[in-house]
């Protein structure tokens, strides 16, 4: 009896120790062939970094880049996709490698020819930030609800891009993406201005109470349905801090989108607040996002 009791206590102690130890995320996602340069895929070109001083977001300046697809023809205006924290997405040596993925999917007609605009967060300081992630206006622009940042894009920056490279005026041909605070920012832009943005990609989105974003699951459930398509990605080992739990918040967002009947997709991996999962998924994400655009006999194939 005593031996049995000791054994049970030992088992319970072992179980408690196991539960107390943090789960280590595998986060070992790898990039597939569509994220690697492919022979025969015509290559678009990157212009930038260019610098923009905003009047709508007064006192801020930022760098941005433009991806122009191979064979660009202004008589056939392409789609548009905007990326927040553009320095990360435009880097062809990092996890997302958007220009490479665009080249490959456009060549295979698995997404439409698309102008890419990669926008860094704004900075107000006299000295440049140590890294673009530390731009001093990033949280104010990205985490705050409302239409101010969307107005900056729609009324100020994107018309300047369109002067150089006209793109389709069709909102179904306009997508927006971002990571972390940039992910909630992308959703906010489409939520506030579905007349302009209809497609959203959020990587490890910060749908927590930094500057009010924790309200979104309730707002999605209780507000009129927007004509937007939403892709969400997160990991079970993402951040959990005083502003909230990123994994829980993303699950709540997915549940709210499902409840309201949105066209959405949610991918929960085992990673942390990193870019590896989102980067590995990006080609499939873009196939899903653009799967029926344009709605014609020439539509890209899945």
C-alpha atoms as a PDB file:
ATOM      1  CA  UNK A   1       0.000   0.000   0.000  1.00  0.00           C
ATOM      2  CA  UNK A   2       2.788   2.398   1.009  1.00  0.00           C
ATOM      3  CA  UNK A   3       4.807   1.521  -2.128  1.00  0.00           C
ATOM      4  CA  UNK A   4       1.732   2.117  -4.262  1.00  0.00           C
ATOM      5  CA  UNK A   5       1.155   5.520  -2.627  1.00  0.00           C
ATOM      6  CA  UNK A   6       4.775   6.540  -3.165  1.00  0.00           C
ATOM      7  CA  UNK A   7       4.554   5.439  -6.794  1.00  0.00           C
ATOM      8  CA  UNK A   8       1.366   7.472  -7.318  1.00  0.00           C
ATOM      9  CA  UNK A   9       2.926  10.537  -5.733  1.00  0.00           C
ATOM     10  CA  UNK A  10       5.994  10.157  -7.936  1.00  0.00           C
ATOM     11  CA  UNK A  11       3.809   9.882 -11.009  1.00  0.00           C
ATOM     12  CA  UNK A  12       1.851  12.990 -10.029  1.00  0.00           C
ATOM     13  CA  UNK A  13       5.069  14.865  -9.346  1.00  0.00           C
ATOM     14  CA  UNK A  14       6.437  13.870 -12.756  1.00  0.00           C
ATOM     15  CA  UNK A  15       3.198  14.967 -14.419  1.00  0.00           C
ATOM     16  CA  UNK A  16       3.268  18.307 -12.607  1.00  0.00           C
ATOM     17  CA  UNK A  17       6.890  18.850 -13.662  1.00  0.00           C
ATOM     18  CA  UNK A  18       6.066  18.039 -17.271  1.00  0.00           C
ATOM     19  CA  UNK A  19       3.142  20.455 -17.248  1.00  0.00           C
ATOM     20  CA  UNK A  20       5.282  23.166 -15.678  1.00  0.00           C
ATOM     21  CA  UNK A  21       7.938  22.958 -18.401  1.00  0.00           C
ATOM     22  CA  UNK A  22       7.313  25.315 -21.336  1.00  0.00           C
ATOM     23  CA  UNK A  23       6.458  23.710 -24.640  1.00  0.00           C
ATOM     24  CA  UNK A  24       9.296  24.254 -27.076  1.00  0.00           C
ATOM     25  CA  UNK A  25       7.984  25.176 -30.513  1.00  0.00           C
ATOM     26  CA  UNK A  26       9.348  23.120 -33.364  1.00  0.00           C
ATOM     27  CA  UNK A  27       8.912  26.108 -35.705  1.00  0.00           C
ATOM     28  CA  UNK A  28      10.907  24.169 -38.283  1.00  0.00           C
ATOM     29  CA  UNK A  29       8.992  25.112 -41.414  1.00  0.00           C
ATOM     30  CA  UNK A  30      10.992  25.160 -44.631  1.00  0.00           C
ATOM     31  CA  UNK A  31      10.578  27.102 -47.844  1.00  0.00           C
ATOM     32  CA  UNK A  32       9.352  25.185 -50.863  1.00  0.00           C
ATOM     33  CA  UNK A  33      10.295  25.561 -54.538  1.00  0.00           C
ATOM     34  CA  UNK A  34       7.898  28.458 -55.124  1.00  0.00           C
ATOM     35  CA  UNK A  35       9.981  30.514 -52.668  1.00  0.00           C
ATOM     36  CA  UNK A  36      13.172  29.841 -54.638  1.00  0.00           C
ATOM     37  CA  UNK A  37      14.169  31.443 -57.959  1.00  0.00           C
ATOM     38  CA  UNK A  38      13.040  29.183 -60.792  1.00  0.00           C
ATOM     39  CA  UNK A  39      14.568  28.958 -64.235  1.00  0.00           C
ATOM     40  CA  UNK A  40      12.119  30.145 -66.848  1.00  0.00           C
ATOM     41  CA  UNK A  41      10.083  32.370 -64.524  1.00  0.00           C
ATOM     42  CA  UNK A  42      10.325  35.966 -65.812  1.00  0.00           C
ATOM     43  CA  UNK A  43      11.582  38.227 -63.067  1.00  0.00           C
ATOM     44  CA  UNK A  44       9.895  41.417 -62.014  1.00  0.00           C
ATOM     45  CA  UNK A  45      11.941  44.364 -60.856  1.00  0.00           C
ATOM     46  CA  UNK A  46      12.143  46.225 -57.567  1.00  0.00           C
ATOM     47  CA  UNK A  47      12.338  50.003 -57.360  1.00  0.00           C
ATOM     48  CA  UNK A  48      13.493  51.546 -54.113  1.00  0.00           C
ATOM     49  CA  UNK A  49      13.895  52.219 -51.384  1.00  0.00           C
ATOM     50  CA  UNK A  50      11.997  55.400 -52.086  1.00  0.00           C
ATOM     51  CA  UNK A  51      11.172  57.887 -49.328  1.00  0.00           C
ATOM     52  CA  UNK A  52       7.745  59.357 -48.590  1.00  0.00           C
ATOM     53  CA  UNK A  53       6.983  62.248 -46.239  1.00  0.00           C
ATOM     54  CA  UNK A  54       3.337  62.103 -45.253  1.00  0.00           C
ATOM     55  CA  UNK A  55       0.878  64.935 -44.743  1.00  0.00           C
ATOM     56  CA  UNK A  56      -1.982  62.720 -43.506  1.00  0.00           C
ATOM     57  CA  UNK A  57       0.312  61.086 -40.950  1.00  0.00           C
ATOM     58  CA  UNK A  58       1.888  64.463 -40.386  1.00  0.00           C
ATOM     59  CA  UNK A  59       5.522  64.619 -39.433  1.00  0.00           C
ATOM     60  CA  UNK A  60       6.339  61.055 -40.487  1.00  0.00           C
ATOM     61  CA  UNK A  61       8.602  59.758 -43.199  1.00  0.00           C
ATOM     62  CA  UNK A  62       9.153  56.204 -44.387  1.00  0.00           C
ATOM     63  CA  UNK A  63      10.823  54.077 -47.012  1.00  0.00           C
ATOM     64  CA  UNK A  64       8.875  52.046 -49.534  1.00  0.00           C
ATOM     65  CA  UNK A  65       9.549  49.793 -52.503  1.00  0.00           C
ATOM     66  CA  UNK A  66       7.595  48.930 -55.649  1.00  0.00           C
ATOM     67  CA  UNK A  67       7.567  45.527 -57.344  1.00  0.00           C
ATOM     68  CA  UNK A  68       6.771  45.722 -61.055  1.00  0.00           C
ATOM     69  CA  UNK A  69       5.851  42.354 -62.609  1.00  0.00           C
ATOM     70  CA  UNK A  70       7.666  41.190 -65.722  1.00  0.00           C
ATOM     71  CA  UNK A  71       5.912  42.281 -68.884  1.00  0.00           C
ATOM     72  CA  UNK A  72       4.035  45.078 -67.132  1.00  0.00           C
ATOM     73  CA  UNK A  73       1.620  46.739 -69.563  1.00  0.00           C
ATOM     74  CA  UNK A  74      -0.314  49.829 -68.374  1.00  0.00           C
ATOM     75  CA  UNK A  75      -2.987  49.018 -70.957  1.00  0.00           C
ATOM     76  CA  UNK A  76      -3.751  45.910 -68.898  1.00  0.00           C
ATOM     77  CA  UNK A  77      -3.613  47.258 -65.332  1.00  0.00           C
ATOM     78  CA  UNK A  78      -2.459  44.573 -62.876  1.00  0.00           C
ATOM     79  CA  UNK A  79      -3.709  43.799 -59.391  1.00  0.00           C
ATOM     80  CA  UNK A  80      -2.265  45.519 -56.317  1.00  0.00           C
ATOM     81  CA  UNK A  81      -0.919  44.119 -53.060  1.00  0.00           C
ATOM     82  CA  UNK A  82       0.372  46.300 -50.209  1.00  0.00           C
ATOM     83  CA  UNK A  83       2.677  44.968 -47.481  1.00  0.00           C
ATOM     84  CA  UNK A  84       3.232  46.645 -44.105  1.00  0.00           C
ATOM     85  CA  UNK A  85       6.743  46.333 -42.618  1.00  0.00           C
ATOM     86  CA  UNK A  86       7.754  46.257 -46.253  1.00  0.00           C
ATOM     87  CA  UNK A  87      11.468  45.827 -45.570  1.00  0.00           C
ATOM     88  CA  UNK A  88      10.763  42.281 -44.339  1.00  0.00           C
ATOM     89  CA  UNK A  89       8.505  41.179 -47.174  1.00  0.00           C
ATOM     90  CA  UNK A  90      10.641  42.630 -49.985  1.00  0.00           C
ATOM     91  CA  UNK A  91      13.854  40.926 -48.763  1.00  0.00           C
ATOM     92  CA  UNK A  92      14.541  38.011 -51.131  1.00  0.00           C
ATOM     93  CA  UNK A  93      16.914  36.419 -48.592  1.00  0.00           C
ATOM     94  CA  UNK A  94      14.427  36.421 -45.695  1.00  0.00           C
ATOM     95  CA  UNK A  95      11.418  34.225 -44.922  1.00  0.00           C
ATOM     96  CA  UNK A  96       8.665  35.697 -47.124  1.00  0.00           C
ATOM     97  CA  UNK A  97      10.634  36.528 -50.306  1.00  0.00           C
ATOM     98  CA  UNK A  98       7.579  38.101 -51.892  1.00  0.00           C
ATOM     99  CA  UNK A  99       9.246  39.177 -55.163  1.00  0.00           C
ATOM    100  CA  UNK A 100      10.443  35.607 -55.785  1.00  0.00           C
ATOM    101  CA  UNK A 101       7.054  34.098 -54.908  1.00  0.00           C
ATOM    102  CA  UNK A 102       5.293  36.649 -57.127  1.00  0.00           C
ATOM    103  CA  UNK A 103       7.609  35.831 -60.047  1.00  0.00           C
ATOM    104  CA  UNK A 104       6.925  32.104 -59.769  1.00  0.00           C
ATOM    105  CA  UNK A 105       3.162  32.223 -59.218  1.00  0.00           C
ATOM    106  CA  UNK A 106       2.562  34.864 -61.885  1.00  0.00           C
ATOM    107  CA  UNK A 107       4.575  32.800 -64.379  1.00  0.00           C
ATOM    108  CA  UNK A 108       2.393  29.752 -63.599  1.00  0.00           C
ATOM    109  CA  UNK A 109      -0.784  31.873 -63.732  1.00  0.00           C
ATOM    110  CA  UNK A 110      -1.571  30.888 -60.146  1.00  0.00           C
ATOM    111  CA  UNK A 111      -2.001  34.552 -59.240  1.00  0.00           C
ATOM    112  CA  UNK A 112      -2.579  37.591 -61.431  1.00  0.00           C
ATOM    113  CA  UNK A 113       0.160  40.020 -62.488  1.00  0.00           C
ATOM    114  CA  UNK A 114       0.397  42.261 -59.439  1.00  0.00           C
ATOM    115  CA  UNK A 115       2.041  45.518 -58.447  1.00  0.00           C
ATOM    116  CA  UNK A 116       3.602  45.049 -54.998  1.00  0.00           C
ATOM    117  CA  UNK A 117       4.003  48.028 -52.669  1.00  0.00           C
ATOM    118  CA  UNK A 118       6.188  47.417 -49.610  1.00  0.00           C
ATOM    119  CA  UNK A 119       5.718  50.166 -47.001  1.00  0.00           C
ATOM    120  CA  UNK A 120       7.717  50.693 -43.842  1.00  0.00           C
ATOM    121  CA  UNK A 121       6.152  52.231 -40.724  1.00  0.00           C
ATOM    122  CA  UNK A 122       6.547  55.962 -40.243  1.00  0.00           C
ATOM    123  CA  UNK A 123       9.159  57.635 -38.095  1.00  0.00           C
ATOM    124  CA  UNK A 124       9.001  61.122 -36.551  1.00  0.00           C
ATOM    125  CA  UNK A 125      12.445  61.359 -34.978  1.00  0.00           C
ATOM    126  CA  UNK A 126      15.304  63.383 -36.432  1.00  0.00           C
ATOM    127  CA  UNK A 127      17.560  60.341 -36.443  1.00  0.00           C
ATOM    128  CA  UNK A 128      16.486  57.222 -38.374  1.00  0.00           C
ATOM    129  CA  UNK A 129      15.340  54.255 -36.264  1.00  0.00           C
ATOM    130  CA  UNK A 130      17.862  51.587 -35.367  1.00  0.00           C
ATOM    131  CA  UNK A 131      15.759  49.170 -37.446  1.00  0.00           C
ATOM    132  CA  UNK A 132      12.414  49.742 -39.225  1.00  0.00           C
ATOM    133  CA  UNK A 133      10.766  47.620 -36.502  1.00  0.00           C
ATOM    134  CA  UNK A 134      11.659  50.439 -34.066  1.00  0.00           C
ATOM    135  CA  UNK A 135      10.124  53.275 -36.086  1.00  0.00           C
ATOM    136  CA  UNK A 136       8.543  55.494 -33.447  1.00  0.00           C
ATOM    137  CA  UNK A 137       5.139  55.800 -35.159  1.00  0.00           C
ATOM    138  CA  UNK A 138       4.746  52.075 -35.910  1.00  0.00           C
ATOM    139  CA  UNK A 139       2.354  51.171 -33.105  1.00  0.00           C
ATOM    140  CA  UNK A 140       0.277  54.323 -33.534  1.00  0.00           C
ATOM    141  CA  UNK A 141      -0.181  53.561 -37.240  1.00  0.00           C
ATOM    142  CA  UNK A 142      -0.571  49.802 -37.043  1.00  0.00           C
ATOM    143  CA  UNK A 143      -2.267  48.951 -33.723  1.00  0.00           C
ATOM    144  CA  UNK A 144      -4.805  51.771 -33.578  1.00  0.00           C
ATOM    145  CA  UNK A 145      -8.319  51.179 -34.892  1.00  0.00           C
ATOM    146  CA  UNK A 146      -9.918  53.585 -37.357  1.00  0.00           C
ATOM    147  CA  UNK A 147      -9.375  54.655 -40.945  1.00  0.00           C
ATOM    148  CA  UNK A 148      -6.423  57.070 -40.630  1.00  0.00           C
ATOM    149  CA  UNK A 149      -3.750  54.678 -41.894  1.00  0.00           C
ATOM    150  CA  UNK A 150      -6.012  53.395 -44.672  1.00  0.00           C
ATOM    151  CA  UNK A 151      -6.568  57.017 -45.733  1.00  0.00           C
ATOM    152  CA  UNK A 152      -2.799  57.547 -45.850  1.00  0.00           C
ATOM    153  CA  UNK A 153      -2.475  54.637 -48.257  1.00  0.00           C
ATOM    154  CA  UNK A 154      -5.563  55.281 -50.376  1.00  0.00           C
ATOM    155  CA  UNK A 155      -5.456  59.070 -50.605  1.00  0.00           C
ATOM    156  CA  UNK A 156      -1.735  59.747 -50.488  1.00  0.00           C
ATOM    157  CA  UNK A 157       0.814  57.006 -51.153  1.00  0.00           C
ATOM    158  CA  UNK A 158      -0.961  54.691 -53.609  1.00  0.00           C
ATOM    159  CA  UNK A 159      -2.000  57.502 -55.996  1.00  0.00           C
ATOM    160  CA  UNK A 160       1.700  58.348 -56.231  1.00  0.00           C
ATOM    161  CA  UNK A 161       2.474  54.715 -57.095  1.00  0.00           C
ATOM    162  CA  UNK A 162      -0.342  54.730 -59.676  1.00  0.00           C
ATOM    163  CA  UNK A 163       1.241  57.719 -61.423  1.00  0.00           C
ATOM    164  CA  UNK A 164       4.238  55.527 -62.171  1.00  0.00           C
ATOM    165  CA  UNK A 165       2.492  52.218 -62.610  1.00  0.00           C
ATOM    166  CA  UNK A 166      -1.294  52.267 -63.055  1.00  0.00           C
ATOM    167  CA  UNK A 167      -3.039  49.303 -61.441  1.00  0.00           C
ATOM    168  CA  UNK A 168      -6.635  48.108 -61.520  1.00  0.00           C
ATOM    169  CA  UNK A 169      -9.226  50.333 -59.820  1.00  0.00           C
ATOM    170  CA  UNK A 170     -11.269  47.202 -58.998  1.00  0.00           C
ATOM    171  CA  UNK A 171     -11.273  46.688 -55.200  1.00  0.00           C
ATOM    172  CA  UNK A 172     -11.455  42.921 -55.806  1.00  0.00           C
ATOM    173  CA  UNK A 173      -7.967  43.319 -57.240  1.00  0.00           C
ATOM    174  CA  UNK A 174      -6.573  45.056 -54.141  1.00  0.00           C
ATOM    175  CA  UNK A 175      -4.958  43.036 -51.328  1.00  0.00           C
ATOM    176  CA  UNK A 176      -3.138  44.097 -48.166  1.00  0.00           C
ATOM    177  CA  UNK A 177      -0.845  42.132 -45.847  1.00  0.00           C
ATOM    178  CA  UNK A 178       1.223  42.542 -42.722  1.00  0.00           C
ATOM    179  CA  UNK A 179       2.951  40.814 -39.845  1.00  0.00           C
ATOM    180  CA  UNK A 180       2.296  41.207 -36.102  1.00  0.00           C
ATOM    181  CA  UNK A 181       1.043  44.784 -35.611  1.00  0.00           C
ATOM    182  CA  UNK A 182       1.192  45.080 -39.386  1.00  0.00           C
ATOM    183  CA  UNK A 183      -1.205  42.120 -39.560  1.00  0.00           C
ATOM    184  CA  UNK A 184      -3.925  43.823 -37.543  1.00  0.00           C
ATOM    185  CA  UNK A 185      -3.200  46.973 -39.557  1.00  0.00           C
ATOM    186  CA  UNK A 186      -3.916  45.104 -42.799  1.00  0.00           C
ATOM    187  CA  UNK A 187      -7.218  43.860 -41.394  1.00  0.00           C
ATOM    188  CA  UNK A 188      -8.142  47.342 -40.166  1.00  0.00           C
ATOM    189  CA  UNK A 189      -7.502  48.869 -43.596  1.00  0.00           C
ATOM    190  CA  UNK A 190      -9.877  46.411 -45.280  1.00  0.00           C
ATOM    191  CA  UNK A 191     -12.404  46.538 -42.422  1.00  0.00           C
ATOM    192  CA  UNK A 192     -12.599  50.327 -42.630  1.00  0.00           C
ATOM    193  CA  UNK A 193     -12.279  50.614 -46.410  1.00  0.00           C
ATOM    194  CA  UNK A 194     -13.721  47.536 -48.132  1.00  0.00           C
ATOM    195  CA  UNK A 195     -14.524  49.875 -51.011  1.00  0.00           C
ATOM    196  CA  UNK A 196     -10.765  49.758 -51.709  1.00  0.00           C
ATOM    197  CA  UNK A 197      -9.267  46.622 -50.124  1.00  0.00           C
ATOM    198  CA  UNK A 198     -11.036  43.266 -50.433  1.00  0.00           C
ATOM    199  CA  UNK A 199      -8.274  40.765 -49.585  1.00  0.00           C
ATOM    200  CA  UNK A 200      -6.278  40.495 -46.335  1.00  0.00           C
ATOM    201  CA  UNK A 201      -3.281  38.446 -45.173  1.00  0.00           C
ATOM    202  CA  UNK A 202      -2.386  38.628 -41.467  1.00  0.00           C
ATOM    203  CA  UNK A 203       0.758  36.865 -40.233  1.00  0.00           C
ATOM    204  CA  UNK A 204       0.938  36.464 -36.408  1.00  0.00           C
ATOM    205  CA  UNK A 205      -1.522  39.360 -36.189  1.00  0.00           C
ATOM    206  CA  UNK A 206      -1.704  41.404 -32.984  1.00  0.00           C
ATOM    207  CA  UNK A 207      -5.467  41.196 -32.369  1.00  0.00           C
ATOM    208  CA  UNK A 208      -4.899  42.100 -28.723  1.00  0.00           C
ATOM    209  CA  UNK A 209      -5.437  45.167 -26.549  1.00  0.00           C
ATOM    210  CA  UNK A 210      -2.362  47.203 -27.440  1.00  0.00           C
ATOM    211  CA  UNK A 211      -4.476  50.067 -28.827  1.00  0.00           C
ATOM    212  CA  UNK A 212      -7.931  48.517 -28.907  1.00  0.00           C
ATOM    213  CA  UNK A 213      -7.520  45.607 -31.309  1.00  0.00           C
ATOM    214  CA  UNK A 214      -8.881  43.111 -28.799  1.00  0.00           C
ATOM    215  CA  UNK A 215     -12.362  44.394 -29.696  1.00  0.00           C
ATOM    216  CA  UNK A 216     -12.278  42.924 -33.178  1.00  0.00           C
ATOM    217  CA  UNK A 217     -13.831  39.499 -32.480  1.00  0.00           C
ATOM    218  CA  UNK A 218     -16.861  41.250 -30.964  1.00  0.00           C
ATOM    219  CA  UNK A 219     -16.992  43.821 -33.765  1.00  0.00           C
ATOM    220  CA  UNK A 220     -16.834  41.122 -36.432  1.00  0.00           C
ATOM    221  CA  UNK A 221     -19.688  39.214 -34.786  1.00  0.00           C
ATOM    222  CA  UNK A 222     -21.896  42.260 -34.213  1.00  0.00           C
ATOM    223  CA  UNK A 223     -21.230  44.429 -37.280  1.00  0.00           C
ATOM    224  CA  UNK A 224     -22.463  44.170 -40.826  1.00  0.00           C
ATOM    225  CA  UNK A 225     -20.537  41.712 -42.956  1.00  0.00           C
ATOM    226  CA  UNK A 226     -17.853  43.294 -45.151  1.00  0.00           C
ATOM    227  CA  UNK A 227     -17.104  41.961 -48.665  1.00  0.00           C
ATOM    228  CA  UNK A 228     -13.577  40.908 -47.701  1.00  0.00           C
ATOM    229  CA  UNK A 229     -11.567  37.682 -47.797  1.00  0.00           C
ATOM    230  CA  UNK A 230      -9.206  37.054 -44.853  1.00  0.00           C
ATOM    231  CA  UNK A 231      -6.209  34.760 -44.324  1.00  0.00           C
ATOM    232  CA  UNK A 232      -4.944  34.405 -40.736  1.00  0.00           C
ATOM    233  CA  UNK A 233      -1.780  32.619 -39.584  1.00  0.00           C
ATOM    234  CA  UNK A 234      -0.424  32.137 -36.059  1.00  0.00           C
ATOM    235  CA  UNK A 235       1.407  29.634 -33.856  1.00  0.00           C
ATOM    236  CA  UNK A 236       0.545  27.960 -30.575  1.00  0.00           C
ATOM    237  CA  UNK A 237       3.736  29.333 -29.000  1.00  0.00           C
ATOM    238  CA  UNK A 238       3.133  32.954 -29.991  1.00  0.00           C
ATOM    239  CA  UNK A 239       3.241  35.789 -27.439  1.00  0.00           C
ATOM    240  CA  UNK A 240       1.216  35.784 -24.205  1.00  0.00           C
ATOM    241  CA  UNK A 241       1.697  38.983 -22.203  1.00  0.00           C
ATOM    242  CA  UNK A 242      -0.159  41.824 -20.471  1.00  0.00           C
ATOM    243  CA  UNK A 243      -1.822  42.890 -23.732  1.00  0.00           C
ATOM    244  CA  UNK A 244      -3.246  39.436 -24.365  1.00  0.00           C
ATOM    245  CA  UNK A 245      -2.605  36.030 -25.889  1.00  0.00           C
ATOM    246  CA  UNK A 246      -1.814  36.147 -29.601  1.00  0.00           C
ATOM    247  CA  UNK A 247      -2.820  32.499 -30.219  1.00  0.00           C
ATOM    248  CA  UNK A 248      -6.100  32.911 -28.362  1.00  0.00           C
ATOM    249  CA  UNK A 249      -6.847  36.231 -30.078  1.00  0.00           C
ATOM    250  CA  UNK A 250      -6.287  34.743 -33.523  1.00  0.00           C
ATOM    251  CA  UNK A 251      -8.493  31.776 -32.676  1.00  0.00           C
ATOM    252  CA  UNK A 252     -11.202  34.188 -31.524  1.00  0.00           C
ATOM    253  CA  UNK A 253     -10.861  36.134 -34.772  1.00  0.00           C
ATOM    254  CA  UNK A 254     -11.183  32.947 -36.812  1.00  0.00           C
ATOM    255  CA  UNK A 255     -14.256  31.885 -34.816  1.00  0.00           C
ATOM    256  CA  UNK A 256     -15.872  35.298 -35.327  1.00  0.00           C
ATOM    257  CA  UNK A 257     -15.187  35.227 -39.074  1.00  0.00           C
ATOM    258  CA  UNK A 258     -16.685  31.744 -39.267  1.00  0.00           C
ATOM    259  CA  UNK A 259     -19.744  32.827 -37.276  1.00  0.00           C
ATOM    260  CA  UNK A 260     -20.428  35.716 -39.666  1.00  0.00           C
ATOM    261  CA  UNK A 261     -19.894  33.595 -42.758  1.00  0.00           C
ATOM    262  CA  UNK A 262     -16.755  35.282 -44.066  1.00  0.00           C
ATOM    263  CA  UNK A 263     -14.563  33.777 -46.765  1.00  0.00           C
ATOM    264  CA  UNK A 264     -11.606  33.106 -44.488  1.00  0.00           C
ATOM    265  CA  UNK A 265      -8.799  30.645 -43.850  1.00  0.00           C
ATOM    266  CA  UNK A 266      -6.936  30.117 -40.578  1.00  0.00           C
ATOM    267  CA  UNK A 267      -3.625  28.268 -40.268  1.00  0.00           C
ATOM    268  CA  UNK A 268      -2.424  27.566 -36.723  1.00  0.00           C
ATOM    269  CA  UNK A 269       1.065  26.116 -36.504  1.00  0.00           C
ATOM    270  CA  UNK A 270       3.331  25.366 -33.567  1.00  0.00           C
ATOM    271  CA  UNK A 271       5.652  28.337 -33.922  1.00  0.00           C
ATOM    272  CA  UNK A 272       6.239  31.477 -31.931  1.00  0.00           C
ATOM    273  CA  UNK A 273       6.298  35.128 -32.931  1.00  0.00           C
ATOM    274  CA  UNK A 274       8.411  34.405 -35.983  1.00  0.00           C
ATOM    275  CA  UNK A 275       8.147  34.503 -39.770  1.00  0.00           C
ATOM    276  CA  UNK A 276       9.031  30.910 -40.650  1.00  0.00           C
ATOM    277  CA  UNK A 277       5.511  29.478 -40.765  1.00  0.00           C
ATOM    278  CA  UNK A 278       4.027  32.421 -42.657  1.00  0.00           C
ATOM    279  CA  UNK A 279       6.913  32.387 -45.103  1.00  0.00           C
ATOM    280  CA  UNK A 280       6.569  28.673 -45.802  1.00  0.00           C
ATOM    281  CA  UNK A 281       2.820  29.109 -46.347  1.00  0.00           C
ATOM    282  CA  UNK A 282       3.035  32.221 -48.521  1.00  0.00           C
ATOM    283  CA  UNK A 283       2.807  30.599 -51.983  1.00  0.00           C
ATOM    284  CA  UNK A 284      -0.264  28.593 -50.962  1.00  0.00           C
ATOM    285  CA  UNK A 285      -1.670  31.662 -49.195  1.00  0.00           C
ATOM    286  CA  UNK A 286      -1.484  33.692 -52.405  1.00  0.00           C
ATOM    287  CA  UNK A 287      -3.006  30.903 -54.489  1.00  0.00           C
ATOM    288  CA  UNK A 288      -5.950  30.813 -52.083  1.00  0.00           C
ATOM    289  CA  UNK A 289      -6.239  34.595 -51.864  1.00  0.00           C
ATOM    290  CA  UNK A 290      -6.325  35.153 -55.644  1.00  0.00           C
ATOM    291  CA  UNK A 291      -8.011  31.891 -56.607  1.00  0.00           C
ATOM    292  CA  UNK A 292     -10.923  33.433 -58.534  1.00  0.00           C
ATOM    293  CA  UNK A 293      -9.441  36.722 -59.721  1.00  0.00           C
ATOM    294  CA  UNK A 294     -10.145  37.901 -62.320  1.00  0.00           C
ATOM    295  CA  UNK A 295     -13.532  36.286 -62.755  1.00  0.00           C
ATOM    296  CA  UNK A 296     -13.150  35.394 -66.409  1.00  0.00           C
ATOM    297  CA  UNK A 297     -12.051  32.532 -68.630  1.00  0.00           C
ATOM    298  CA  UNK A 298      -8.485  33.748 -68.136  1.00  0.00           C
ATOM    299  CA  UNK A 299      -8.658  33.469 -64.361  1.00  0.00           C
ATOM    300  CA  UNK A 300      -5.532  32.059 -62.668  1.00  0.00           C
ATOM    301  CA  UNK A 301      -5.803  28.359 -61.913  1.00  0.00           C
ATOM    302  CA  UNK A 302      -5.569  26.924 -58.419  1.00  0.00           C
END
